[in-house]
Amino acid sequence: MPSKRTKSKDPDYEKLGRMVSAIYEFGYIDKKKLYLMSFVKGLFAGLGGVIGATILAALIIWVLSLFSSVPLIGHFSEKVRSTIETSQQ
């Protein structure tokens, strides 16, 4: 059951949405600048995703290397380690 506070905020969000929509429709914002900022934002989001995935993969490989004595995981981690070492040469 929504609280009274949530109900009182809904019209404010609708009013804000209509105001933002009006700003775009009436051309108060320079569209070239808007497209440039969206492009730059997309570049940074993509770069952040790549860096984050690289760090996560490195952490997973490092954790797997700690389990070299476990039969199934040890074989896999040795394969990964040998592949990394041959690619670095």
C-alpha atoms as a PDB file:
ATOM      1  CA  MET A   1       0.000   0.000   0.000  1.00  0.00           C
ATOM      2  CA  PRO A   2       1.612   3.314  -1.066  1.00  0.00           C
ATOM      3  CA  SER A   3       2.176   5.877   1.621  1.00  0.00           C
ATOM      4  CA  LYS A   4       0.777   9.414   1.578  1.00  0.00           C
ATOM      5  CA  ARG A   5       4.245  10.735   0.881  1.00  0.00           C
ATOM      6  CA  THR A   6       4.464   8.763  -2.386  1.00  0.00           C
ATOM      7  CA  LYS A   7       1.040   9.968  -3.483  1.00  0.00           C
ATOM      8  CA  SER A   8       1.904  13.607  -2.877  1.00  0.00           C
ATOM      9  CA  LYS A   9       5.123  13.326  -4.915  1.00  0.00           C
ATOM     10  CA  ASP A  10       3.510  11.831  -8.032  1.00  0.00           C
ATOM     11  CA  PRO A  11       2.053  15.127  -9.327  1.00  0.00           C
ATOM     12  CA  ASP A  12       5.417  16.784  -8.766  1.00  0.00           C
ATOM     13  CA  TYR A  13       7.115  14.181 -10.974  1.00  0.00           C
ATOM     14  CA  GLU A  14       4.477  14.608 -13.657  1.00  0.00           C
ATOM     15  CA  LYS A  15       4.876  18.390 -13.547  1.00  0.00           C
ATOM     16  CA  LEU A  16       8.667  18.070 -13.775  1.00  0.00           C
ATOM     17  CA  GLY A  17       8.351  15.668 -16.705  1.00  0.00           C
ATOM     18  CA  ARG A  18       6.064  18.078 -18.559  1.00  0.00           C
ATOM     19  CA  MET A  19       8.503  20.934 -17.922  1.00  0.00           C
ATOM     20  CA  VAL A  20      11.490  18.960 -19.246  1.00  0.00           C
ATOM     21  CA  SER A  21       9.473  17.887 -22.271  1.00  0.00           C
ATOM     22  CA  ALA A  22       8.533  21.509 -22.955  1.00  0.00           C
ATOM     23  CA  ILE A  23      12.173  22.577 -22.790  1.00  0.00           C
ATOM     24  CA  TYR A  24      13.097  20.037 -25.489  1.00  0.00           C
ATOM     25  CA  GLU A  25      10.088  20.873 -27.649  1.00  0.00           C
ATOM     26  CA  PHE A  26      10.595  24.637 -27.612  1.00  0.00           C
ATOM     27  CA  GLY A  27      14.297  24.383 -28.436  1.00  0.00           C
ATOM     28  CA  TYR A  28      15.782  25.976 -25.334  1.00  0.00           C
ATOM     29  CA  ILE A  29      18.563  23.412 -25.436  1.00  0.00           C
ATOM     30  CA  ASP A  30      21.128  23.446 -28.246  1.00  0.00           C
ATOM     31  CA  LYS A  31      20.632  20.113 -29.992  1.00  0.00           C
ATOM     32  CA  LYS A  32      24.244  19.888 -31.190  1.00  0.00           C
ATOM     33  CA  LYS A  33      25.467  20.320 -27.636  1.00  0.00           C
ATOM     34  CA  LEU A  34      22.930  17.768 -26.423  1.00  0.00           C
ATOM     35  CA  TYR A  35      24.094  15.203 -29.011  1.00  0.00           C
ATOM     36  CA  LEU A  36      27.744  15.863 -28.177  1.00  0.00           C
ATOM     37  CA  MET A  37      27.134  15.402 -24.457  1.00  0.00           C
ATOM     38  CA  SER A  38      25.181  12.195 -25.109  1.00  0.00           C
ATOM     39  CA  PHE A  39      28.022  10.891 -27.285  1.00  0.00           C
ATOM     40  CA  VAL A  40      30.653  11.678 -24.650  1.00  0.00           C
ATOM     41  CA  LYS A  41      28.470  10.101 -21.965  1.00  0.00           C
ATOM     42  CA  GLY A  42      28.192   6.953 -24.090  1.00  0.00           C
ATOM     43  CA  LEU A  43      31.960   6.836 -24.602  1.00  0.00           C
ATOM     44  CA  PHE A  44      32.627   7.047 -20.876  1.00  0.00           C
ATOM     45  CA  ALA A  45      29.972   4.433 -20.125  1.00  0.00           C
ATOM     46  CA  GLY A  46      31.548   2.056 -22.649  1.00  0.00           C
ATOM     47  CA  LEU A  47      35.043   2.692 -21.353  1.00  0.00           C
ATOM     48  CA  GLY A  48      33.902   2.134 -17.782  1.00  0.00           C
ATOM     49  CA  GLY A  49      32.267  -1.145 -18.786  1.00  0.00           C
ATOM     50  CA  VAL A  50      35.418  -2.386 -20.483  1.00  0.00           C
ATOM     51  CA  ILE A  51      37.645  -1.447 -17.553  1.00  0.00           C
ATOM     52  CA  GLY A  52      35.210  -3.003 -15.077  1.00  0.00           C
ATOM     53  CA  ALA A  53      34.980  -6.243 -17.072  1.00  0.00           C
ATOM     54  CA  THR A  54      38.772  -6.419 -17.322  1.00  0.00           C
ATOM     55  CA  ILE A  55      39.190  -6.020 -13.582  1.00  0.00           C
ATOM     56  CA  LEU A  56      36.488  -8.594 -12.894  1.00  0.00           C
ATOM     57  CA  ALA A  57      38.061 -11.118 -15.280  1.00  0.00           C
ATOM     58  CA  ALA A  58      41.473 -10.572 -13.686  1.00  0.00           C
ATOM     59  CA  LEU A  59      40.040 -11.145 -10.224  1.00  0.00           C
ATOM     60  CA  ILE A  60      38.283 -14.336 -11.328  1.00  0.00           C
ATOM     61  CA  ILE A  61      41.466 -15.683 -12.916  1.00  0.00           C
ATOM     62  CA  TRP A  62      43.448 -14.798  -9.796  1.00  0.00           C
ATOM     63  CA  VAL A  63      40.956 -16.575  -7.526  1.00  0.00           C
ATOM     64  CA  LEU A  64      40.996 -19.632  -9.801  1.00  0.00           C
ATOM     65  CA  SER A  65      44.783 -19.704  -9.656  1.00  0.00           C
ATOM     66  CA  LEU A  66      44.546 -20.177  -5.888  1.00  0.00           C
ATOM     67  CA  PHE A  67      42.739 -23.497  -6.444  1.00  0.00           C
ATOM     68  CA  SER A  68      45.425 -25.264  -8.476  1.00  0.00           C
ATOM     69  CA  SER A  69      45.228 -28.368  -6.290  1.00  0.00           C
ATOM     70  CA  VAL A  70      41.462 -28.909  -6.837  1.00  0.00           C
ATOM     71  CA  PRO A  71      41.031 -31.533  -9.603  1.00  0.00           C
ATOM     72  CA  LEU A  72      38.513 -29.887 -11.961  1.00  0.00           C
ATOM     73  CA  ILE A  73      39.297 -26.255 -11.255  1.00  0.00           C
ATOM     74  CA  GLY A  74      43.047 -26.840 -11.036  1.00  0.00           C
ATOM     75  CA  HIS A  75      43.208 -28.190 -14.585  1.00  0.00           C
ATOM     76  CA  PHE A  76      41.222 -25.224 -15.876  1.00  0.00           C
ATOM     77  CA  SER A  77      43.310 -22.664 -13.981  1.00  0.00           C
ATOM     78  CA  GLU A  78      46.553 -24.220 -15.249  1.00  0.00           C
ATOM     79  CA  LYS A  79      45.248 -23.938 -18.816  1.00  0.00           C
ATOM     80  CA  VAL A  80      44.387 -20.280 -18.281  1.00  0.00           C
ATOM     81  CA  ARG A  81      47.762 -19.589 -16.677  1.00  0.00           C
ATOM     82  CA  SER A  82      49.680 -21.263 -19.523  1.00  0.00           C
ATOM     83  CA  THR A  83      47.633 -19.367 -22.108  1.00  0.00           C
ATOM     84  CA  ILE A  84      48.379 -16.050 -20.394  1.00  0.00           C
ATOM     85  CA  GLU A  85      52.075 -16.841 -20.088  1.00  0.00           C
ATOM     86  CA  THR A  86      52.385 -17.794 -23.782  1.00  0.00           C
ATOM     87  CA  SER A  87      50.530 -14.663 -24.882  1.00  0.00           C
ATOM     88  CA  GLN A  88      52.894 -12.458 -22.857  1.00  0.00           C
ATOM     89  CA  GLN A  89      55.990 -13.801 -24.623  1.00  0.00           C
END
